[in-house]
Protein backbone atom coordinates (compact mmCIF):
# COMPACT_ATOMS: atom_id res chain seq x y z
CA MET A 1 155.32 67.41 68.74
CA PRO A 2 154.17 65.30 71.92
CA TYR A 3 152.24 66.25 74.66
CA THR A 4 154.18 64.53 77.47
CA THR A 5 153.54 64.12 81.45
CA VAL A 6 156.92 64.27 83.28
CA THR A 7 157.35 61.26 85.70
CA SER A 8 159.35 59.82 88.60
CA GLY A 9 162.49 59.25 87.23
CA ASP A 10 162.55 60.82 83.68
CA TYR A 11 165.80 62.13 82.54
CA ILE A 12 166.01 66.02 81.05
CA THR A 13 167.62 67.18 77.98
CA SER A 14 167.96 69.90 76.60
CA ALA A 15 166.08 68.75 73.21
CA TRP A 16 163.89 67.64 76.04
CA ALA A 17 163.52 70.61 77.41
CA ASN A 18 162.81 72.96 74.28
CA ALA A 19 160.22 70.31 72.75
CA ASN A 20 158.25 69.87 75.88
CA VAL A 21 158.82 72.70 78.59
CA ARG A 22 159.05 75.70 76.23
CA ASP A 23 157.25 74.87 73.35
CA GLN A 24 154.28 73.40 76.02
CA VAL A 25 153.62 76.49 77.71
CA VAL A 26 151.81 77.82 74.46
CA THR A 27 151.34 74.18 72.93
CA PRO A 28 151.18 74.13 69.44
CA PHE A 29 149.41 71.66 66.84
CA SER A 30 149.25 71.57 63.22
CA THR A 31 145.51 71.28 63.38
CA SER A 32 142.52 71.19 65.83
CA GLY A 33 142.63 67.34 65.85
CA ASN A 34 146.03 66.55 66.52
CA ARG A 35 145.73 69.07 69.25
CA THR A 36 142.57 66.58 70.38
CA THR A 37 144.38 63.56 69.65
CA ALA A 38 147.07 64.58 71.92
CA ILE A 39 145.41 65.92 74.71
CA THR A 40 143.03 63.67 76.06
CA SER A 41 142.23 64.87 79.42
CA PRO A 42 143.12 68.73 79.05
CA VAL A 43 142.01 70.86 81.87
CA ALA A 44 141.01 74.82 82.05
CA GLY A 45 143.31 77.44 81.43
CA MET A 46 145.78 75.25 79.32
CA LEU A 47 146.84 77.30 76.56
CA SER A 48 147.59 76.07 72.83
CA THR A 49 147.71 77.78 69.64
CA LEU A 50 147.38 75.91 65.45
CA THR A 51 150.47 76.93 63.43
CA THR A 52 148.98 76.72 60.59
CA ASN A 53 146.91 79.92 61.35
CA THR A 54 148.62 81.96 63.78
CA SER A 55 148.15 85.50 62.59
CA THR A 56 144.84 84.80 62.25
CA GLU A 57 143.60 82.61 65.11
CA GLY A 58 146.21 82.95 67.81
CA VAL A 59 146.05 81.37 71.47
CA TYR A 60 143.29 79.25 72.88
CA GLU A 61 142.37 78.49 76.21
CA TYR A 62 140.53 75.64 76.87
CA LEU A 63 137.82 76.55 79.11
CA SER A 64 135.12 73.59 79.39
CA SER A 65 133.61 70.70 77.84
CA ASN A 66 135.95 70.44 75.01
CA GLN A 67 135.94 74.02 74.46
CA TRP A 68 139.03 76.01 73.29
CA ARG A 69 138.59 78.92 72.56
CA ALA A 70 140.17 82.32 72.20
CA PRO A 71 141.19 83.44 76.12
CA TRP A 72 137.41 83.66 77.81
CA ASN A 73 138.32 87.19 79.45
CA LEU A 74 138.92 89.04 76.26
CA PRO A 75 136.59 90.17 73.86
CA TRP A 76 136.67 88.28 70.59
CA GLY A 77 135.89 90.88 68.19
CA VAL A 78 133.93 90.26 65.13
CA ILE A 79 132.00 87.08 64.89
CA ALA A 80 129.43 87.77 61.49
CA LEU A 81 129.29 90.09 58.79
CA ASP A 82 127.06 90.86 56.19
CA THR A 83 127.17 93.67 53.51
CA MET A 84 124.47 94.06 50.85
CA THR A 85 125.34 96.91 47.43
CA THR A 86 122.07 96.09 45.51
CA ASN A 87 118.80 98.11 46.14
CA GLN A 88 115.80 96.81 47.59
CA SER A 89 112.87 98.16 48.66
CA THR A 90 109.37 97.32 50.24
CA THR A 91 105.31 98.65 50.64
CA SER A 92 104.76 96.42 53.61
CA THR A 93 102.74 97.79 56.29
CA SER A 94 104.01 95.18 58.67
CA PHE A 95 107.21 94.08 59.90
CA ALA A 96 108.65 91.74 57.45
CA ASP A 97 111.99 90.67 55.54
CA VAL A 98 113.19 91.68 52.98
CA THR A 99 114.56 89.92 50.09
CA GLY A 100 118.44 89.94 49.83
CA PHE A 101 118.65 92.08 52.74
CA VAL A 102 121.53 92.07 55.32
CA THR A 103 121.91 89.10 57.58
CA ALA A 104 123.97 87.57 60.11
CA SER A 105 124.70 83.56 61.07
CA PHE A 106 126.32 82.08 64.16
CA THR A 107 126.12 79.97 67.24
CA PRO A 108 125.98 81.76 70.31
CA VAL A 109 128.61 80.98 73.39
CA ALA A 110 126.54 80.99 76.58
CA ARG A 111 127.75 84.56 79.15
CA ARG A 112 129.37 86.64 76.33
CA TYR A 113 127.86 90.10 75.69
CA TYR A 114 127.03 90.90 71.77
CA ARG A 115 126.97 93.81 70.40
CA ILE A 116 124.26 93.96 66.97
CA SER A 117 124.76 96.95 64.86
CA VAL A 118 123.23 97.93 61.68
CA SER A 119 123.87 100.65 58.90
CA PHE A 120 122.02 101.25 55.67
CA LEU A 121 120.88 104.39 53.62
CA ALA A 122 117.16 104.53 53.35
CA PHE A 123 114.68 107.05 51.31
CA ALA A 124 111.28 107.40 50.58
CA LEU A 125 109.73 107.10 46.96
CA ALA A 126 106.06 108.53 47.19
CA ASN A 127 103.85 110.94 48.51
CA PRO A 128 102.76 112.15 51.04
CA ALA A 129 106.08 114.57 51.69
CA ILE A 130 106.45 112.24 55.03
CA SER A 131 106.81 108.40 55.46
CA VAL A 132 107.01 107.29 58.69
CA ASN A 133 109.16 103.85 58.79
CA GLU A 134 110.57 101.40 61.22
CA PHE A 135 112.63 98.33 60.96
CA GLN A 136 113.90 96.14 63.60
CA VAL A 137 116.46 93.74 64.03
CA VAL A 138 115.23 89.71 65.32
CA SER A 139 116.56 86.57 66.11
CA THR A 140 115.14 83.56 64.04
CA ALA A 141 116.29 81.08 66.63
CA SER A 142 114.10 82.50 69.40
CA SER A 143 111.98 84.74 67.34
CA ALA A 144 113.02 87.91 69.27
CA VAL A 145 113.58 91.26 68.76
CA VAL A 146 117.18 91.58 69.33
CA LEU A 147 117.53 95.49 68.30
CA GLY A 148 114.04 98.05 67.69
CA PRO A 149 111.34 98.85 66.57
CA ILE A 150 113.59 102.10 65.72
CA SER A 151 111.33 104.55 63.46
CA GLN A 152 112.50 106.65 61.09
CA GLN A 153 110.91 109.87 59.59
CA LEU A 154 111.86 109.83 55.68
CA ALA A 155 111.04 113.24 53.69
CA THR A 156 110.05 112.07 49.62
CA THR A 157 113.36 111.56 48.33
CA ASP A 158 115.78 112.32 51.41
CA TYR A 159 118.10 109.93 51.51
CA GLN A 160 119.32 109.26 55.47
CA THR A 161 121.83 107.16 56.99
CA VAL A 162 119.96 104.83 59.24
CA SER A 163 122.14 103.18 61.99
CA ALA A 164 121.62 101.29 65.05
CA VAL A 165 123.70 99.40 67.77
CA SER A 166 122.37 97.28 70.83
CA TYR A 167 123.93 95.02 73.38
CA TYR A 168 122.89 92.09 74.90
CA ALA A 169 124.32 89.06 77.39
CA ASN A 170 123.80 85.66 75.56
CA THR A 171 122.31 82.70 77.42
CA ALA A 172 121.54 80.60 74.56
CA THR A 173 123.80 78.42 72.17
CA ALA A 174 121.10 77.62 69.87
CA ALA A 175 122.36 78.35 66.21
CA THR A 176 120.66 81.37 65.29
CA THR A 177 120.35 84.19 62.02
CA TYR A 178 119.97 87.61 62.77
CA LYS A 179 118.00 89.79 60.26
CA VAL A 180 116.63 92.94 59.21
CA GLN A 181 112.98 93.41 58.56
CA PHE A 182 111.09 96.85 58.04
CA HIS A 183 107.83 98.42 57.71
CA THR A 184 106.65 101.39 56.29
CA SER A 185 103.78 103.89 56.19
CA ALA A 186 100.61 102.77 53.79
CA SER A 187 100.80 103.35 50.35
CA GLN A 188 104.55 104.09 51.01
CA THR A 189 107.34 102.46 49.23
CA MET A 190 111.00 102.71 51.09
CA ALA A 191 114.25 101.87 49.71
CA ILE A 192 117.21 100.30 51.27
CA ALA A 193 119.84 101.67 49.09
CA GLY A 194 123.25 100.46 48.50
CA ALA A 195 124.67 100.59 45.91
CA THR A 196 126.50 104.10 46.75
CA GLN A 197 126.64 103.09 50.28
CA ALA A 198 126.94 99.57 51.47
CA ALA A 199 124.12 98.10 53.94
CA VAL A 200 126.05 96.54 56.96
CA LEU A 201 124.41 93.93 60.17
CA ILE A 202 127.56 93.09 62.57
CA VAL A 203 128.02 90.78 65.37
CA GLU A 204 130.76 91.81 68.15
CA ASP A 205 131.84 89.68 71.07
CA MET A 206 132.20 92.36 73.51
CA GLY A 207 133.58 89.57 76.30
CA PRO A 208 132.17 87.65 79.49
CA SER A 209 129.29 88.11 80.95
CA GLY A 210 130.56 85.94 83.65
CA ALA A 211 131.98 82.73 84.04
CA PRO A 212 132.14 79.71 81.46
CA SER A 213 129.62 77.33 81.48
């Protein structure tokens, strides 16, 4: 279907109206490439959809700087998600990565609210009876701590579900990976258990924190 601009003298038929009025209220395209070819000068507020994935991708709104995205004033939902079902552990007494633990990678959009959620099962393995453990979520794009440090006291062999949530308004647009880091008390081992309960890290878009940039 062509993308048509009405000019003086055009003859209007039912077939033309169906294709160029009805279907251009939300213009359908088979691919994003076809949309770019057809709409060479989009303006903010235009709507489109991709017919190959309408059930999952829905309607796109043209924002600015050649950005076709879900309508700006709506939450965009889950942006990145990672789960782990293999037990891991750490003896580090300073914050450090744990091999194989959950990470979430995506490219953020400026002026959007993001929610970072992490949940996992943890337990202490060594004496003394109380082990002080902390975790945090960091961003590799800026080395910034986006969630934490959060302290958790674990008695030996005491299983606890650990979870936390953080919100922030994004200003950067560089690709980033969020990852969880841990540290534990001296001479202690904290196990991050996933065999019976998956560890989960989720990044969700909660909606706009300002106008599109």
